[in-house]
């Protein structure tokens, strides 16, 4: 089960709706026991504009987190000053599912996820409104991400 506070959930919803019709992306961290959702810039359009052959998809159907924004959070997690609770992104005009592309983005060198303890949250946005969300956690026994209940709790 993945539990998010009301405040974190509302921030994810606001982010997904604000970036519609493009995908949003971000990280949920816990620092000193308090969770927060941190918006990360989706640079997929920039990558596509620079090299459409390597990056054929735009931000309407893909995301790529801006390294300069996410790297400090990953470094803090490595040092143990923050906990990576979840990575999140939206699927505009599509269901909330963990796609093959999502899995590849989360996987490491040996086809295991880079941050196995962090959940993956996918938000479905239709007509500019969040309509569904699903959470996925790594199952080492099955070597795959599996759906788990997503619960929004008290702030």
Protein backbone atom coordinates (compact mmCIF):
# COMPACT_ATOMS: atom_id res chain seq x y z
CA UNK A 1 0.00 0.00 0.00
CA UNK A 2 1.14 3.57 -0.76
CA UNK A 3 -0.18 6.33 1.49
CA UNK A 4 0.08 10.03 0.61
CA UNK A 5 -0.99 12.94 2.77
CA UNK A 6 -3.88 15.12 1.61
CA UNK A 7 -1.47 18.01 1.04
CA UNK A 8 0.89 15.92 -1.11
CA UNK A 9 -2.02 14.51 -3.11
CA UNK A 10 -3.46 17.99 -3.73
CA UNK A 11 -0.05 19.20 -4.95
CA UNK A 12 0.22 16.26 -7.36
CA UNK A 13 -3.31 16.95 -8.66
CA UNK A 14 -2.56 20.67 -9.08
CA UNK A 15 0.68 19.87 -10.91
CA UNK A 16 -0.95 17.35 -13.26
CA UNK A 17 -3.82 19.70 -14.09
CA UNK A 18 -1.51 22.71 -14.56
CA UNK A 19 0.72 20.94 -17.08
CA UNK A 20 -2.15 19.33 -19.04
CA UNK A 21 -2.13 18.42 -21.93
CA UNK A 22 1.49 17.53 -21.26
CA UNK A 23 2.84 15.03 -18.76
CA UNK A 24 4.01 16.28 -15.39
CA UNK A 25 6.66 14.61 -13.28
CA UNK A 26 7.90 14.93 -9.74
CA UNK A 27 9.14 13.33 -6.57
CA UNK A 28 7.52 12.83 -3.18
CA UNK A 29 10.05 13.01 -0.37
CA UNK A 30 9.91 12.79 3.40
CA UNK A 31 12.21 15.14 5.30
CA UNK A 32 12.18 15.03 9.11
CA UNK A 33 8.98 12.99 8.93
CA UNK A 34 7.10 15.52 6.77
CA UNK A 35 6.15 14.57 3.21
CA UNK A 36 6.24 17.00 0.32
CA UNK A 37 5.67 16.74 -3.42
CA UNK A 38 8.37 18.42 -5.46
CA UNK A 39 7.63 19.40 -9.04
CA UNK A 40 10.36 18.53 -11.52
CA UNK A 41 10.52 20.13 -14.96
CA UNK A 42 9.63 17.78 -17.82
CA UNK A 43 12.30 18.41 -20.47
CA UNK A 44 10.86 15.97 -23.01
CA UNK A 45 9.91 18.74 -25.48
CA UNK A 46 13.45 20.13 -25.33
CA UNK A 47 14.95 16.69 -25.97
CA UNK A 48 12.51 16.09 -28.83
CA UNK A 49 13.30 19.47 -30.42
CA UNK A 50 17.05 18.83 -30.23
CA UNK A 51 16.99 15.24 -31.46
CA UNK A 52 13.61 13.96 -32.69
CA UNK A 53 15.14 10.74 -33.97
CA UNK A 54 16.44 9.71 -30.54
CA UNK A 55 13.47 11.29 -28.71
CA UNK A 56 10.47 10.80 -31.03
CA UNK A 57 7.86 11.52 -28.34
CA UNK A 58 6.88 14.94 -27.02
CA UNK A 59 5.75 15.85 -23.51
CA UNK A 60 2.19 14.93 -24.47
CA UNK A 61 3.13 11.25 -24.24
CA UNK A 62 6.45 11.14 -22.38
CA UNK A 63 8.49 12.73 -19.65
CA UNK A 64 12.12 13.19 -18.80
CA UNK A 65 13.02 14.75 -15.47
CA UNK A 66 15.41 17.69 -15.53
CA UNK A 67 18.60 16.27 -14.04
CA UNK A 68 19.64 19.49 -12.29
CA UNK A 69 16.39 19.45 -10.31
CA UNK A 70 16.18 15.78 -9.40
CA UNK A 71 19.88 15.07 -8.75
CA UNK A 72 20.08 17.03 -5.47
CA UNK A 73 17.12 15.04 -4.12
CA UNK A 74 18.75 11.77 -5.09
CA UNK A 75 21.98 12.88 -3.43
CA UNK A 76 20.09 13.75 -0.24
CA UNK A 77 18.42 10.33 -0.32
CA UNK A 78 21.82 8.69 -0.71
CA UNK A 79 23.11 10.64 2.32
CA UNK A 80 19.97 9.68 4.26
CA UNK A 81 18.72 13.22 4.85
CA UNK A 82 15.52 12.56 2.89
CA UNK A 83 13.49 9.48 2.05
CA UNK A 84 12.27 8.95 -1.50
CA UNK A 85 8.60 8.10 -1.03
CA UNK A 86 7.49 8.09 -4.67
CA UNK A 87 8.13 9.27 -8.18
CA UNK A 88 5.02 10.52 -9.96
CA UNK A 89 3.94 11.50 -13.44
CA UNK A 90 0.74 12.00 -15.38
CA UNK A 91 -0.84 10.36 -18.41
CA UNK A 92 -2.89 13.02 -20.25
CA UNK A 93 -5.92 11.48 -21.99
CA UNK A 94 -4.79 7.99 -21.00
CA UNK A 95 -5.42 5.62 -18.13
CA UNK A 96 -3.28 5.43 -15.00
CA UNK A 97 -1.10 2.44 -15.82
CA UNK A 98 2.61 1.65 -15.57
CA UNK A 99 3.74 1.42 -19.18
CA UNK A 100 6.76 -0.36 -20.62
CA UNK A 101 8.35 3.08 -21.07
CA UNK A 102 7.65 3.89 -17.42
CA UNK A 103 9.28 0.65 -16.35
CA UNK A 104 12.33 1.30 -18.53
CA UNK A 105 12.71 4.79 -17.05
CA UNK A 106 12.58 3.38 -13.51
CA UNK A 107 14.90 0.43 -14.20
CA UNK A 108 18.62 0.37 -13.54
CA UNK A 109 21.51 -1.35 -15.27
CA UNK A 110 20.45 -4.88 -14.35
CA UNK A 111 16.76 -4.32 -15.09
CA UNK A 112 16.07 -3.67 -11.41
CA UNK A 113 14.76 -0.26 -10.39
CA UNK A 114 17.23 2.43 -9.38
CA UNK A 115 15.15 3.25 -6.28
CA UNK A 116 13.30 0.04 -5.46
CA UNK A 117 11.75 1.29 -2.22
CA UNK A 118 10.13 4.32 -3.86
CA UNK A 119 6.62 3.91 -5.25
CA UNK A 120 5.66 4.91 -8.77
CA UNK A 121 2.43 6.92 -8.92
CA UNK A 122 0.70 7.45 -12.26
CA UNK A 123 -2.11 9.99 -12.58
CA UNK A 124 -4.72 9.91 -15.35
CA UNK A 125 -5.81 13.37 -16.57
CA UNK A 126 -8.75 13.75 -18.95
CA UNK A 127 -10.05 17.07 -20.25
CA UNK A 128 -7.71 18.83 -17.83
CA UNK A 129 -8.95 17.06 -14.69
CA UNK A 130 -7.41 14.24 -12.68
CA UNK A 131 -9.79 11.29 -12.93
CA UNK A 132 -7.74 8.41 -11.54
CA UNK A 133 -4.39 7.45 -10.06
CA UNK A 134 -2.61 4.21 -9.38
CA UNK A 135 0.46 3.26 -7.39
CA UNK A 136 3.04 0.63 -8.20
CA UNK A 137 5.77 -0.92 -6.07
CA UNK A 138 8.72 -3.08 -7.05
CA UNK A 139 8.28 -6.78 -6.32
CA UNK A 140 11.77 -8.30 -6.26
CA UNK A 141 10.38 -11.84 -6.31
CA UNK A 142 8.62 -11.18 -9.63
CA UNK A 143 11.19 -8.65 -10.89
CA UNK A 144 8.47 -6.21 -11.84
CA UNK A 145 6.37 -3.32 -10.64
CA UNK A 146 2.98 -4.40 -9.35
CA UNK A 147 -0.14 -2.36 -8.60
CA UNK A 148 -0.83 -1.65 -4.93
CA UNK A 149 -3.59 0.34 -3.23
CA UNK A 150 -3.12 4.12 -3.22
CA UNK A 151 -4.53 5.75 -0.10
CA UNK A 152 -4.80 9.48 0.47
CA UNK A 153 -4.61 10.16 4.20
CA UNK A 154 -4.74 13.12 6.53
CA UNK A 155 -2.30 16.02 6.17
